[in-house]
Each structure stands twice: as C-alpha cells, then as structure tokens.
Amino acid sequence: MEGDFRKLLFWNVLASIPAGLVSVLLPLYLAELGIDYSGMGFIFGQGQYLAS
C-alpha cells in the first residue's frame, strides 16, 4: 500500500513539473517574440492559483 502511495506521489510531482515550466517559460518566450501576452498571463496566473 505504501509503495502505491509513493508511486502516486512520484507521478503527481512529475506531472506538475512541465506545467510549472510552461507557465514560467511561455510568457518569457512570447515576450521574446514581441507578443502581448498580458491576457494569457492572467489565464496562466489563474491556473497557477487554482493549482496551488
């Protein structure tokens, strides 16, 4: 049973890493391209708020 919990925790952490990277890197990338992402930043901010 404990092994299952550890496995679940592991996958949970693993799944949250890309989401965190995307929410940080995507706005930076869009800024490099000169795209106005203020609207999107709000959406991502809400997502991060809901996820935390």
C-alpha atoms as a PDB file:
ATOM      1  CA  MET A   1       0.000   0.000   0.000  1.00  0.00           C
ATOM      2  CA  GLU A   2       2.766   2.426   0.912  1.00  0.00           C
ATOM      3  CA  GLY A   3       4.506   1.642  -2.378  1.00  0.00           C
ATOM      4  CA  ASP A   4       1.354   2.665  -4.258  1.00  0.00           C
ATOM      5  CA  PHE A   5       1.216   5.953  -2.381  1.00  0.00           C
ATOM      6  CA  ARG A   6       4.858   6.693  -3.185  1.00  0.00           C
ATOM      7  CA  LYS A   7       4.256   5.875  -6.843  1.00  0.00           C
ATOM      8  CA  LEU A   8       1.225   8.166  -6.923  1.00  0.00           C
ATOM      9  CA  LEU A   9       3.166  10.962  -5.276  1.00  0.00           C
ATOM     10  CA  PHE A  10       6.023  10.476  -7.744  1.00  0.00           C
ATOM     11  CA  TRP A  11       3.730  10.744 -10.772  1.00  0.00           C
ATOM     12  CA  ASN A  12       1.947  13.707  -9.228  1.00  0.00           C
ATOM     13  CA  VAL A  13       5.221  15.597  -8.798  1.00  0.00           C
ATOM     14  CA  LEU A  14       6.418  14.521 -12.240  1.00  0.00           C
ATOM     15  CA  ALA A  15       3.199  15.779 -13.839  1.00  0.00           C
ATOM     16  CA  SER A  16       3.411  19.155 -12.095  1.00  0.00           C
ATOM     17  CA  ILE A  17       6.930  19.933 -13.346  1.00  0.00           C
ATOM     18  CA  PRO A  18       6.074  20.578 -17.035  1.00  0.00           C
ATOM     19  CA  ALA A  19       3.074  22.719 -16.069  1.00  0.00           C
ATOM     20  CA  GLY A  20       5.313  24.868 -13.876  1.00  0.00           C
ATOM     21  CA  LEU A  21       7.928  25.182 -16.610  1.00  0.00           C
ATOM     22  CA  VAL A  22       5.326  26.129 -19.217  1.00  0.00           C
ATOM     23  CA  SER A  23       3.782  28.807 -17.015  1.00  0.00           C
ATOM     24  CA  VAL A  24       7.228  30.341 -16.467  1.00  0.00           C
ATOM     25  CA  LEU A  25       8.845  29.865 -19.870  1.00  0.00           C
ATOM     26  CA  LEU A  26       5.911  30.504 -22.205  1.00  0.00           C
ATOM     27  CA  PRO A  27       5.426  34.173 -21.182  1.00  0.00           C
ATOM     28  CA  LEU A  28       9.185  34.732 -21.494  1.00  0.00           C
ATOM     29  CA  TYR A  29       9.189  33.102 -24.926  1.00  0.00           C
ATOM     30  CA  LEU A  30       6.209  35.162 -26.075  1.00  0.00           C
ATOM     31  CA  ALA A  31       7.883  38.307 -24.781  1.00  0.00           C
ATOM     32  CA  GLU A  32      10.944  37.440 -26.885  1.00  0.00           C
ATOM     33  CA  LEU A  33       8.665  37.184 -29.916  1.00  0.00           C
ATOM     34  CA  GLY A  34       7.122  40.532 -29.029  1.00  0.00           C
ATOM     35  CA  ILE A  35       3.646  39.114 -28.481  1.00  0.00           C
ATOM     36  CA  ASP A  36       1.413  40.802 -25.938  1.00  0.00           C
ATOM     37  CA  TYR A  37       0.589  38.013 -23.528  1.00  0.00           C
ATOM     38  CA  SER A  38      -0.987  40.040 -20.714  1.00  0.00           C
ATOM     39  CA  GLY A  39      -4.360  38.382 -21.327  1.00  0.00           C
ATOM     40  CA  MET A  40      -2.767  34.937 -21.390  1.00  0.00           C
ATOM     41  CA  GLY A  41      -0.650  35.725 -18.358  1.00  0.00           C
ATOM     42  CA  PHE A  42      -3.854  36.341 -16.462  1.00  0.00           C
ATOM     43  CA  ILE A  43      -5.186  32.927 -17.532  1.00  0.00           C
ATOM     44  CA  PHE A  44      -1.943  31.181 -16.581  1.00  0.00           C
ATOM     45  CA  GLY A  45      -1.883  33.085 -13.310  1.00  0.00           C
ATOM     46  CA  GLN A  46      -5.390  31.874 -12.548  1.00  0.00           C
ATOM     47  CA  GLY A  47      -4.339  28.322 -13.419  1.00  0.00           C
ATOM     48  CA  GLN A  48      -1.365  28.502 -11.075  1.00  0.00           C
ATOM     49  CA  TYR A  49      -3.590  29.952  -8.363  1.00  0.00           C
ATOM     50  CA  LEU A  50      -6.118  27.139  -8.760  1.00  0.00           C
ATOM     51  CA  ALA A  51      -3.378  24.501  -8.882  1.00  0.00           C
ATOM     52  CA  SER A  52      -1.652  25.650  -5.704  1.00  0.00           C
END
